[in-house]
Amino acid sequence: MFCINCGQELPDDANFCHKCGKPQKNIASTADETKWETCETVYSEAKPVGLLTNAQLYFWAKAIGSKGTYNAGKSSSFEAEGSQLPYLNKAKRAKTHQAHDILIEELVGNGWEHIGRASDEWYSYTFRRRIRNSN
């Protein structure tokens, strides 16, 4: 099961979320209780790095909803020396931040609410979005 507040994956018998502390089982809860899906901005390699080539990376929003994990958005690719973000020169860093900013704007435009940081990495944002009832 997933936390009803932050979307953290939990054991089926959890009474509280180990990430945000929200109670998971409330006797007084109703069917109208707000449910959320969450996402986190991460990066991945778009093109494998060759011996003499730079990596093509991109940001994407790794989302967790009622039906599992899915991709909620993806940035354009950008080049890095090596396969990790710390290895960016100043010119490439600007393109990297621009790709990230465009992804964030897309997520907000699609109803995602920024709720914090997923880690200490500058690019790692956490969002949530209300799950709409399909009734």
N, C-alpha and C. Protein backbone atom coordinates (compact mmCIF):
# COMPACT_ATOMS: atom_id res chain seq x y z
N MET A 1 0.84 -1.19 0.00
CA MET A 1 0.00 0.00 0.00
C MET A 1 0.88 1.24 0.00
N PHE A 2 0.27 2.39 -0.27
CA PHE A 2 1.00 3.65 -0.31
C PHE A 2 0.41 4.61 0.72
N CYS A 3 1.26 5.47 1.28
CA CYS A 3 0.82 6.46 2.27
C CYS A 3 -0.26 7.34 1.66
N ILE A 4 -1.33 7.58 2.41
CA ILE A 4 -2.42 8.42 1.93
C ILE A 4 -2.04 9.90 1.90
N ASN A 5 -0.92 10.26 2.54
CA ASN A 5 -0.49 11.65 2.58
C ASN A 5 0.64 11.94 1.59
N CYS A 6 1.73 11.15 1.65
CA CYS A 6 2.92 11.47 0.84
C CYS A 6 3.21 10.48 -0.27
N GLY A 7 2.51 9.34 -0.31
CA GLY A 7 2.69 8.37 -1.37
C GLY A 7 3.81 7.37 -1.16
N GLN A 8 4.49 7.42 -0.01
CA GLN A 8 5.57 6.47 0.29
C GLN A 8 5.02 5.04 0.29
N GLU A 9 5.74 4.11 -0.34
CA GLU A 9 5.31 2.72 -0.31
C GLU A 9 5.50 2.17 1.11
N LEU A 10 4.48 1.46 1.62
CA LEU A 10 4.47 0.95 2.98
C LEU A 10 4.03 -0.51 3.00
N PRO A 11 4.37 -1.22 4.08
CA PRO A 11 3.83 -2.57 4.24
C PRO A 11 2.30 -2.50 4.36
N ASP A 12 1.60 -3.53 3.92
CA ASP A 12 0.14 -3.53 3.94
C ASP A 12 -0.46 -3.36 5.33
N ASP A 13 0.28 -3.76 6.37
CA ASP A 13 -0.25 -3.67 7.73
C ASP A 13 0.23 -2.42 8.48
N ALA A 14 0.81 -1.44 7.78
CA ALA A 14 1.34 -0.24 8.44
C ALA A 14 0.21 0.60 9.04
N ASN A 15 0.42 1.05 10.25
CA ASN A 15 -0.53 1.94 10.90
C ASN A 15 -0.15 3.40 10.70
N PHE A 16 1.16 3.67 10.51
CA PHE A 16 1.69 5.01 10.31
C PHE A 16 2.70 4.98 9.18
N CYS A 17 2.85 6.10 8.49
CA CYS A 17 3.87 6.22 7.46
C CYS A 17 5.22 6.44 8.13
N HIS A 18 6.24 5.68 7.74
CA HIS A 18 7.57 5.85 8.33
C HIS A 18 8.30 7.05 7.74
N LYS A 19 7.74 7.69 6.70
CA LYS A 19 8.36 8.89 6.12
C LYS A 19 7.75 10.18 6.68
N CYS A 20 6.41 10.28 6.65
CA CYS A 20 5.77 11.54 7.09
C CYS A 20 5.03 11.42 8.42
N GLY A 21 4.81 10.20 8.92
CA GLY A 21 4.16 10.01 10.21
C GLY A 21 2.64 9.99 10.19
N LYS A 22 2.02 10.17 9.03
CA LYS A 22 0.56 10.22 8.93
C LYS A 22 -0.05 8.86 9.27
N PRO A 23 -1.09 8.83 10.15
CA PRO A 23 -1.79 7.58 10.42
C PRO A 23 -2.39 7.03 9.12
N GLN A 24 -2.33 5.72 8.92
CA GLN A 24 -2.81 5.11 7.69
C GLN A 24 -4.18 4.47 7.83
N LYS A 25 -4.52 4.08 9.02
CA LYS A 25 -5.81 3.43 9.23
C LYS A 25 -6.60 4.24 10.24
N ASN A 26 -7.66 4.83 9.76
CA ASN A 26 -8.49 5.68 10.61
C ASN A 26 -9.91 5.12 10.59
N ILE A 27 -10.39 4.69 11.73
CA ILE A 27 -11.72 4.09 11.83
C ILE A 27 -12.79 5.06 11.36
N ALA A 28 -12.58 6.35 11.59
CA ALA A 28 -13.58 7.35 11.22
C ALA A 28 -13.44 7.82 9.78
N SER A 29 -12.51 7.26 9.01
CA SER A 29 -12.31 7.76 7.65
C SER A 29 -13.51 7.43 6.77
N THR A 30 -13.66 8.23 5.72
CA THR A 30 -14.77 8.04 4.80
C THR A 30 -14.21 7.73 3.42
N ALA A 31 -15.10 7.33 2.54
CA ALA A 31 -14.69 7.02 1.16
C ALA A 31 -14.26 8.28 0.42
N ASP A 32 -14.63 9.46 0.92
CA ASP A 32 -14.29 10.71 0.26
C ASP A 32 -12.92 11.25 0.67
N GLU A 33 -12.18 10.51 1.47
CA GLU A 33 -10.87 10.97 1.94
C GLU A 33 -9.95 11.26 0.74
N THR A 34 -9.23 12.35 0.82
CA THR A 34 -8.34 12.75 -0.26
C THR A 34 -7.18 11.77 -0.38
N LYS A 35 -6.92 11.33 -1.60
CA LYS A 35 -5.80 10.44 -1.87
C LYS A 35 -4.85 11.15 -2.84
N TRP A 36 -3.58 10.88 -2.67
CA TRP A 36 -2.55 11.58 -3.45
C TRP A 36 -1.68 10.59 -4.21
N GLU A 37 -1.18 11.04 -5.35
CA GLU A 37 -0.08 10.36 -6.01
C GLU A 37 1.11 11.30 -5.87
N THR A 38 2.31 10.76 -5.87
CA THR A 38 3.51 11.58 -5.70
C THR A 38 4.47 11.35 -6.84
N CYS A 39 5.39 12.30 -7.02
CA CYS A 39 6.47 12.10 -7.98
C CYS A 39 7.72 12.81 -7.49
N GLU A 40 8.84 12.35 -8.00
CA GLU A 40 10.15 12.89 -7.65
C GLU A 40 10.93 13.10 -8.94
N THR A 41 11.61 14.25 -9.05
CA THR A 41 12.42 14.49 -10.24
C THR A 41 13.77 13.81 -10.07
N VAL A 42 14.13 13.02 -11.06
CA VAL A 42 15.37 12.25 -11.08
C VAL A 42 16.02 12.46 -12.45
N TYR A 43 17.20 11.90 -12.65
CA TYR A 43 17.78 11.94 -13.99
C TYR A 43 18.23 10.56 -14.41
N SER A 44 18.29 10.37 -15.72
CA SER A 44 18.71 9.09 -16.29
C SER A 44 19.56 9.37 -17.52
N GLU A 45 20.24 8.33 -17.95
CA GLU A 45 21.08 8.42 -19.13
C GLU A 45 20.26 8.10 -20.38
N ALA A 46 20.28 9.00 -21.36
CA ALA A 46 19.52 8.81 -22.59
C ALA A 46 20.30 7.99 -23.61
N LYS A 47 21.62 8.17 -23.61
CA LYS A 47 22.46 7.49 -24.59
C LYS A 47 23.69 6.97 -23.87
N PRO A 48 24.04 5.70 -24.07
CA PRO A 48 25.22 5.16 -23.38
C PRO A 48 26.48 5.96 -23.70
N VAL A 49 27.35 6.04 -22.72
CA VAL A 49 28.60 6.77 -22.87
C VAL A 49 29.63 5.85 -23.54
N GLY A 50 30.22 6.35 -24.62
CA GLY A 50 31.31 5.62 -25.27
C GLY A 50 32.63 6.07 -24.68
N LEU A 51 33.67 5.48 -25.15
CA LEU A 51 35.00 5.79 -24.62
C LEU A 51 35.36 7.26 -24.80
N LEU A 52 35.00 7.84 -25.93
CA LEU A 52 35.37 9.23 -26.21
C LEU A 52 34.16 10.15 -26.35
N THR A 53 33.00 9.71 -25.90
CA THR A 53 31.80 10.54 -26.03
C THR A 53 31.27 10.95 -24.67
N ASN A 54 30.51 12.03 -24.67
CA ASN A 54 29.87 12.51 -23.46
C ASN A 54 28.49 11.88 -23.30
N ALA A 55 28.01 11.81 -22.09
CA ALA A 55 26.70 11.23 -21.81
C ALA A 55 25.60 12.19 -22.22
N GLN A 56 24.49 11.63 -22.69
CA GLN A 56 23.26 12.37 -22.91
C GLN A 56 22.34 12.02 -21.76
N LEU A 57 22.03 12.99 -20.92
CA LEU A 57 21.18 12.78 -19.75
C LEU A 57 19.86 13.50 -19.94
N TYR A 58 18.86 13.15 -19.13
CA TYR A 58 17.59 13.86 -19.11
C TYR A 58 16.97 13.72 -17.72
N PHE A 59 16.12 14.67 -17.37
CA PHE A 59 15.36 14.60 -16.12
C PHE A 59 14.01 13.97 -16.42
N TRP A 60 13.46 13.28 -15.44
CA TRP A 60 12.11 12.78 -15.57
C TRP A 60 11.46 12.73 -14.20
N ALA A 61 10.14 12.67 -14.20
CA ALA A 61 9.37 12.66 -12.95
C ALA A 61 8.89 11.24 -12.69
N LYS A 62 9.51 10.58 -11.72
CA LYS A 62 9.16 9.21 -11.33
C LYS A 62 7.96 9.29 -10.38
N ALA A 63 6.80 8.90 -10.88
CA ALA A 63 5.56 9.05 -10.12
C ALA A 63 5.08 7.71 -9.56
N ILE A 64 4.39 7.79 -8.42
CA ILE A 64 3.75 6.64 -7.81
C ILE A 64 2.28 7.00 -7.60
N GLY A 65 1.41 6.24 -8.23
CA GLY A 65 -0.03 6.46 -8.12
C GLY A 65 -0.73 5.20 -7.68
N SER A 66 -2.03 5.20 -7.80
CA SER A 66 -2.83 4.05 -7.35
C SER A 66 -2.55 2.80 -8.17
N LYS A 67 -2.00 2.95 -9.38
CA LYS A 67 -1.72 1.80 -10.24
C LYS A 67 -0.23 1.50 -10.33
N GLY A 68 0.57 2.07 -9.45
CA GLY A 68 2.00 1.79 -9.44
C GLY A 68 2.85 2.95 -9.92
N THR A 69 4.08 2.64 -10.35
CA THR A 69 5.05 3.64 -10.77
C THR A 69 4.91 3.94 -12.25
N TYR A 70 5.02 5.23 -12.61
CA TYR A 70 4.96 5.63 -14.01
C TYR A 70 5.75 6.93 -14.22
N ASN A 71 5.97 7.29 -15.48
CA ASN A 71 6.69 8.51 -15.85
C ASN A 71 5.68 9.64 -16.00
N ALA A 72 5.77 10.68 -15.17
CA ALA A 72 4.83 11.80 -15.21
C ALA A 72 5.33 12.96 -16.07
N GLY A 73 6.53 12.88 -16.61
CA GLY A 73 7.08 13.93 -17.46
C GLY A 73 8.55 13.71 -17.70
N LYS A 74 9.05 14.31 -18.80
CA LYS A 74 10.45 14.11 -19.18
C LYS A 74 10.98 15.39 -19.80
N SER A 75 12.24 15.73 -19.49
CA SER A 75 12.88 16.91 -20.06
C SER A 75 13.55 16.55 -21.38
N SER A 76 14.02 17.57 -22.09
CA SER A 76 14.88 17.33 -23.24
C SER A 76 16.22 16.82 -22.72
N SER A 77 16.99 16.19 -23.57
CA SER A 77 18.28 15.66 -23.13
C SER A 77 19.34 16.77 -23.15
N PHE A 78 20.40 16.55 -22.39
CA PHE A 78 21.52 17.48 -22.32
C PHE A 78 22.79 16.68 -22.16
N GLU A 79 23.91 17.31 -22.45
CA GLU A 79 25.18 16.61 -22.46
C GLU A 79 25.96 16.84 -21.17
N ALA A 80 26.64 15.78 -20.72
CA ALA A 80 27.50 15.88 -19.53
C ALA A 80 28.78 15.11 -19.79
N GLU A 81 29.85 15.54 -19.17
CA GLU A 81 31.11 14.78 -19.25
C GLU A 81 31.02 13.66 -18.23
N GLY A 82 30.97 12.44 -18.68
CA GLY A 82 30.73 11.32 -17.78
C GLY A 82 29.23 11.10 -17.69
N SER A 83 28.81 10.19 -16.86
CA SER A 83 27.39 9.85 -16.80
C SER A 83 26.70 10.39 -15.55
N GLN A 84 27.27 11.42 -14.93
CA GLN A 84 26.65 11.97 -13.73
C GLN A 84 26.61 13.49 -13.82
N LEU A 85 25.61 14.07 -13.15
CA LEU A 85 25.43 15.53 -13.18
C LEU A 85 26.58 16.34 -12.60
N PRO A 86 27.31 15.88 -11.60
CA PRO A 86 28.37 16.74 -11.06
C PRO A 86 29.44 17.12 -12.09
N TYR A 87 29.53 16.38 -13.17
CA TYR A 87 30.58 16.63 -14.16
C TYR A 87 30.07 17.50 -15.29
N LEU A 88 29.65 18.71 -14.96
CA LEU A 88 29.16 19.65 -15.96
C LEU A 88 30.00 20.91 -15.94
N ASN A 89 30.37 21.40 -17.13
CA ASN A 89 31.04 22.69 -17.16
C ASN A 89 29.98 23.79 -17.07
N LYS A 90 30.40 25.03 -16.97
CA LYS A 90 29.48 26.14 -16.73
C LYS A 90 28.44 26.30 -17.84
N ALA A 91 28.86 26.19 -19.11
CA ALA A 91 27.94 26.35 -20.23
C ALA A 91 26.89 25.23 -20.24
N LYS A 92 27.32 24.01 -20.00
CA LYS A 92 26.39 22.87 -20.00
C LYS A 92 25.47 22.92 -18.78
N ARG A 93 25.95 23.49 -17.69
CA ARG A 93 25.13 23.60 -16.49
C ARG A 93 23.90 24.47 -16.74
N ALA A 94 24.04 25.54 -17.53
CA ALA A 94 22.91 26.41 -17.84
C ALA A 94 21.84 25.64 -18.61
N LYS A 95 22.23 24.84 -19.59
CA LYS A 95 21.27 24.04 -20.36
C LYS A 95 20.60 22.99 -19.47
N THR A 96 21.36 22.45 -18.55
CA THR A 96 20.83 21.46 -17.62
C THR A 96 19.74 22.07 -16.74
N HIS A 97 20.02 23.25 -16.19
CA HIS A 97 19.03 23.93 -15.34
C HIS A 97 17.80 24.32 -16.15
N GLN A 98 18.00 24.73 -17.39
CA GLN A 98 16.88 25.09 -18.25
C GLN A 98 15.98 23.87 -18.50
N ALA A 99 16.58 22.72 -18.80
CA ALA A 99 15.80 21.49 -19.02
C ALA A 99 15.02 21.13 -17.75
N HIS A 100 15.65 21.27 -16.60
CA HIS A 100 14.99 20.98 -15.32
C HIS A 100 13.83 21.94 -15.07
N ASP A 101 14.05 23.24 -15.29
CA ASP A 101 13.00 24.24 -15.08
C ASP A 101 11.79 23.98 -15.96
N ILE A 102 12.02 23.59 -17.21
CA ILE A 102 10.91 23.31 -18.12
C ILE A 102 10.11 22.11 -17.63
N LEU A 103 10.78 21.08 -17.14
CA LEU A 103 10.07 19.92 -16.58
C LEU A 103 9.23 20.33 -15.37
N ILE A 104 9.80 21.15 -14.49
CA ILE A 104 9.06 21.60 -13.30
C ILE A 104 7.81 22.38 -13.72
N GLU A 105 7.95 23.27 -14.70
CA GLU A 105 6.79 24.03 -15.20
C GLU A 105 5.72 23.10 -15.76
N GLU A 106 6.15 22.07 -16.48
CA GLU A 106 5.21 21.10 -17.04
C GLU A 106 4.45 20.37 -15.93
N LEU A 107 5.17 19.95 -14.90
CA LEU A 107 4.52 19.25 -13.79
C LEU A 107 3.50 20.14 -13.10
N VAL A 108 3.88 21.38 -12.78
CA VAL A 108 2.96 22.31 -12.12
C VAL A 108 1.74 22.56 -13.01
N GLY A 109 1.97 22.71 -14.31
CA GLY A 109 0.87 22.91 -15.25
C GLY A 109 -0.07 21.72 -15.32
N ASN A 110 0.43 20.54 -14.97
CA ASN A 110 -0.40 19.33 -14.97
C ASN A 110 -0.99 19.03 -13.59
N GLY A 111 -0.96 20.02 -12.70
CA GLY A 111 -1.62 19.88 -11.40
C GLY A 111 -0.77 19.34 -10.27
N TRP A 112 0.54 19.19 -10.48
CA TRP A 112 1.41 18.70 -9.42
C TRP A 112 1.78 19.85 -8.50
N GLU A 113 1.74 19.60 -7.20
CA GLU A 113 2.06 20.59 -6.17
C GLU A 113 3.42 20.25 -5.56
N HIS A 114 4.35 21.22 -5.59
CA HIS A 114 5.69 21.01 -5.02
C HIS A 114 5.55 20.92 -3.50
N ILE A 115 6.10 19.83 -2.90
CA ILE A 115 5.97 19.65 -1.45
C ILE A 115 7.31 19.53 -0.73
N GLY A 116 8.40 19.61 -1.47
CA GLY A 116 9.69 19.56 -0.78
C GLY A 116 10.78 18.96 -1.64
N ARG A 117 11.84 18.56 -0.94
CA ARG A 117 12.99 17.97 -1.60
C ARG A 117 13.03 16.48 -1.30
N ALA A 118 13.38 15.68 -2.31
CA ALA A 118 13.47 14.24 -2.12
C ALA A 118 14.84 13.85 -1.56
N SER A 119 15.85 14.68 -1.82
CA SER A 119 17.20 14.41 -1.33
C SER A 119 17.97 15.73 -1.29
N ASP A 120 19.24 15.66 -0.99
CA ASP A 120 20.07 16.86 -0.96
C ASP A 120 20.50 17.31 -2.35
N GLU A 121 20.25 16.52 -3.38
CA GLU A 121 20.61 16.88 -4.74
C GLU A 121 19.77 18.06 -5.21
N TRP A 122 20.37 19.02 -5.92
CA TRP A 122 19.67 20.24 -6.33
C TRP A 122 18.48 19.96 -7.23
N TYR A 123 18.50 18.92 -8.00
CA TYR A 123 17.46 18.62 -8.99
C TYR A 123 16.32 17.77 -8.44
N SER A 124 16.45 17.27 -7.22
CA SER A 124 15.52 16.28 -6.69
C SER A 124 14.36 16.94 -5.93
N TYR A 125 13.27 17.19 -6.64
CA TYR A 125 12.08 17.80 -6.07
C TYR A 125 11.01 16.73 -5.88
N THR A 126 10.13 16.91 -4.90
CA THR A 126 9.01 16.02 -4.67
C THR A 126 7.72 16.80 -4.89
N PHE A 127 6.76 16.14 -5.54
CA PHE A 127 5.46 16.73 -5.84
C PHE A 127 4.36 15.76 -5.43
N ARG A 128 3.15 16.30 -5.30
CA ARG A 128 1.99 15.46 -5.10
C ARG A 128 0.85 16.02 -5.93
N ARG A 129 -0.10 15.13 -6.23
CA ARG A 129 -1.27 15.54 -6.99
C ARG A 129 -2.44 14.70 -6.51
N ARG A 130 -3.55 15.34 -6.31
CA ARG A 130 -4.75 14.66 -5.84
C ARG A 130 -5.19 13.63 -6.88
N ILE A 131 -5.50 12.44 -6.41
CA ILE A 131 -6.01 11.40 -7.30
C ILE A 131 -7.51 11.65 -7.48
N ARG A 132 -7.89 11.75 -8.73
CA ARG A 132 -9.30 12.00 -9.03
C ARG A 132 -10.08 10.69 -8.98
N ASN A 133 -11.28 10.74 -8.40
CA ASN A 133 -12.13 9.55 -8.37
C ASN A 133 -12.57 9.21 -9.78
N SER A 134 -12.58 7.95 -10.13
CA SER A 134 -12.98 7.53 -11.47
C SER A 134 -14.44 7.08 -11.52
N ASN A 135 -15.22 7.50 -10.52
CA ASN A 135 -16.64 7.10 -10.46
C ASN A 135 -17.46 7.89 -11.44
